Amino acid sequence: QVQLVESGGGLVQAGGSLRLSCVTSGRTFSPYVMGWFRQAPGKEREFVASISWNGGGSNYADSVKGRCTISRDNAKNTVYLQMNSLRPEDTAVYYCAARSVLKSAYDYWGQGTQVTVSS
């Protein structure tokens, strides 16, 4: 089992920045692809960003590309999401997730952290 705990959410004005963190525990962190997802009220959960097990590759949703950066520190079992130039439409609960490099579906999910962007 892998446990994930997110932090760093909060209330920020449009144009501001936040850095989300996700600390993992349990099984070894390194072999897992890590991702961030978000779910806004009344909407389905959507992909935000992902990063390969060694940090060598990353992917972003078009909606956040150029504004967000995903990174990881395997020594600290932590993945980050730096979000800049935040917009009201970024308001959502943000979830950290992990999946084995051998799988396509994410197996483990955190409880989420709320991000609210005011206009």
Protein backbone atom coordinates (compact mmCIF):
# COMPACT_ATOMS: atom_id res chain seq x y z
CA GLN A 1 0.00 0.00 0.00
CA VAL A 2 1.00 3.57 -0.64
CA GLN A 3 -0.40 6.41 1.42
CA LEU A 4 -0.49 9.94 0.02
CA VAL A 5 -1.06 13.15 1.95
CA GLU A 6 -1.46 16.46 0.15
CA SER A 7 -0.88 19.92 1.58
CA GLY A 8 -0.40 23.47 0.43
CA GLY A 9 -3.87 24.36 -0.75
CA GLY A 10 -5.60 27.54 0.25
CA LEU A 11 -7.22 30.75 -0.86
CA VAL A 12 -5.33 32.95 -3.28
CA GLN A 13 -6.16 35.87 -5.53
CA ALA A 14 -6.13 35.53 -9.27
CA GLY A 15 -2.60 35.88 -10.57
CA GLY A 16 -1.12 34.44 -7.41
CA SER A 17 0.84 31.26 -6.79
CA LEU A 18 0.63 28.15 -4.68
CA ARG A 19 2.83 25.12 -4.24
CA LEU A 20 1.15 21.85 -3.46
CA SER A 21 3.04 19.02 -1.83
CA CYS A 22 2.27 15.33 -1.61
CA VAL A 23 4.16 13.14 0.80
CA THR A 24 4.00 9.41 0.28
CA SER A 25 4.61 6.56 2.67
CA GLY A 26 4.39 2.83 2.51
CA ARG A 27 5.96 1.11 -0.44
CA THR A 28 9.04 2.50 -2.13
CA PHE A 29 8.28 5.82 -3.77
CA SER A 30 10.66 5.67 -6.67
CA PRO A 31 9.07 3.16 -9.03
CA TYR A 32 5.82 5.08 -9.12
CA VAL A 33 4.61 7.58 -11.66
CA MET A 34 3.09 10.45 -9.75
CA GLY A 35 0.24 12.61 -10.89
CA TRP A 36 -1.92 15.54 -9.89
CA PHE A 37 -5.60 15.67 -10.67
CA ARG A 38 -8.33 18.13 -9.77
CA GLN A 39 -12.07 18.17 -9.39
CA ALA A 40 -14.13 21.32 -9.47
CA PRO A 41 -17.67 21.47 -8.06
CA GLY A 42 -20.11 19.75 -10.38
CA LYS A 43 -17.37 18.52 -12.69
CA GLU A 44 -15.53 15.28 -13.21
CA ARG A 45 -12.03 14.80 -11.93
CA GLU A 46 -9.47 15.80 -14.55
CA PHE A 47 -5.79 15.25 -15.14
CA VAL A 48 -3.44 18.14 -14.34
CA ALA A 49 0.11 16.83 -14.54
CA SER A 50 2.26 13.74 -14.14
CA ILE A 51 5.93 12.99 -13.68
CA SER A 52 7.96 9.87 -14.41
CA TRP A 53 9.52 7.80 -11.67
CA ASN A 54 12.92 9.46 -12.03
CA GLY A 55 11.65 12.95 -12.80
CA GLY A 56 12.97 12.78 -16.34
CA GLY A 57 9.63 13.26 -18.03
CA SER A 58 6.44 15.15 -17.33
CA ASN A 59 3.09 15.81 -18.92
CA TYR A 60 0.59 18.61 -18.44
CA ALA A 61 -2.99 19.32 -19.29
CA ASP A 62 -3.33 22.07 -21.87
CA SER A 63 -5.23 24.16 -19.34
CA VAL A 64 -2.21 24.45 -17.03
CA LYS A 65 0.68 24.16 -19.45
CA GLY A 66 3.10 27.03 -18.97
CA ARG A 67 1.63 27.92 -15.58
CA CYS A 68 2.29 24.78 -13.55
CA THR A 69 5.40 22.73 -12.90
CA ILE A 70 5.44 19.25 -11.42
CA SER A 71 8.56 17.98 -9.68
CA ARG A 72 9.57 15.27 -7.27
CA ASP A 73 12.19 14.60 -4.64
CA ASN A 74 12.59 10.86 -4.28
CA ALA A 75 14.83 11.27 -1.24
CA LYS A 76 11.91 12.97 0.53
CA ASN A 77 9.18 10.80 -1.01
CA THR A 78 7.49 13.99 -2.09
CA VAL A 79 5.98 15.33 -5.29
CA TYR A 80 5.20 19.02 -5.82
CA LEU A 81 2.96 21.07 -8.03
CA GLN A 82 4.00 24.69 -8.42
CA MET A 83 1.08 26.71 -9.72
CA ASN A 84 1.55 30.25 -10.99
CA SER A 85 -0.73 32.81 -12.59
CA LEU A 86 -3.70 31.16 -10.97
CA ARG A 87 -7.15 31.75 -12.38
CA PRO A 88 -10.61 31.41 -10.83
CA GLU A 89 -11.19 28.38 -13.06
CA ASP A 90 -8.32 26.64 -11.28
CA THR A 91 -10.51 26.43 -8.20
CA ALA A 92 -10.88 22.75 -7.32
CA VAL A 93 -9.87 20.02 -4.95
CA TYR A 94 -6.45 18.83 -6.01
CA TYR A 95 -5.53 15.19 -5.63
CA CYS A 96 -2.19 13.47 -5.67
CA ALA A 97 -2.07 9.99 -7.19
CA ALA A 98 0.43 7.22 -7.78
CA ARG A 99 0.63 4.37 -10.20
CA SER A 100 3.13 1.65 -10.90
CA VAL A 101 5.28 2.20 -13.97
CA LEU A 102 3.85 -1.11 -15.21
CA LYS A 103 0.27 0.11 -15.14
CA SER A 104 -1.78 2.75 -16.90
CA ALA A 105 -4.30 3.38 -14.13
CA TYR A 106 -3.56 5.19 -10.90
CA ASP A 107 -3.79 2.85 -7.95
CA TYR A 108 -3.41 5.18 -5.01
CA TRP A 109 -5.01 8.52 -4.21
CA GLY A 110 -4.72 11.13 -1.53
CA GLN A 111 -7.62 12.83 0.22
CA GLY A 112 -7.20 16.07 -1.66
CA THR A 113 -6.42 19.68 -0.83
CA GLN A 114 -8.70 22.60 -1.65
CA VAL A 115 -7.45 25.39 -3.89
CA THR A 116 -9.66 28.44 -4.20
CA VAL A 117 -8.77 31.31 -6.52
CA SER A 118 -10.70 34.52 -6.07
CA SER A 119 -11.24 37.01 -8.87
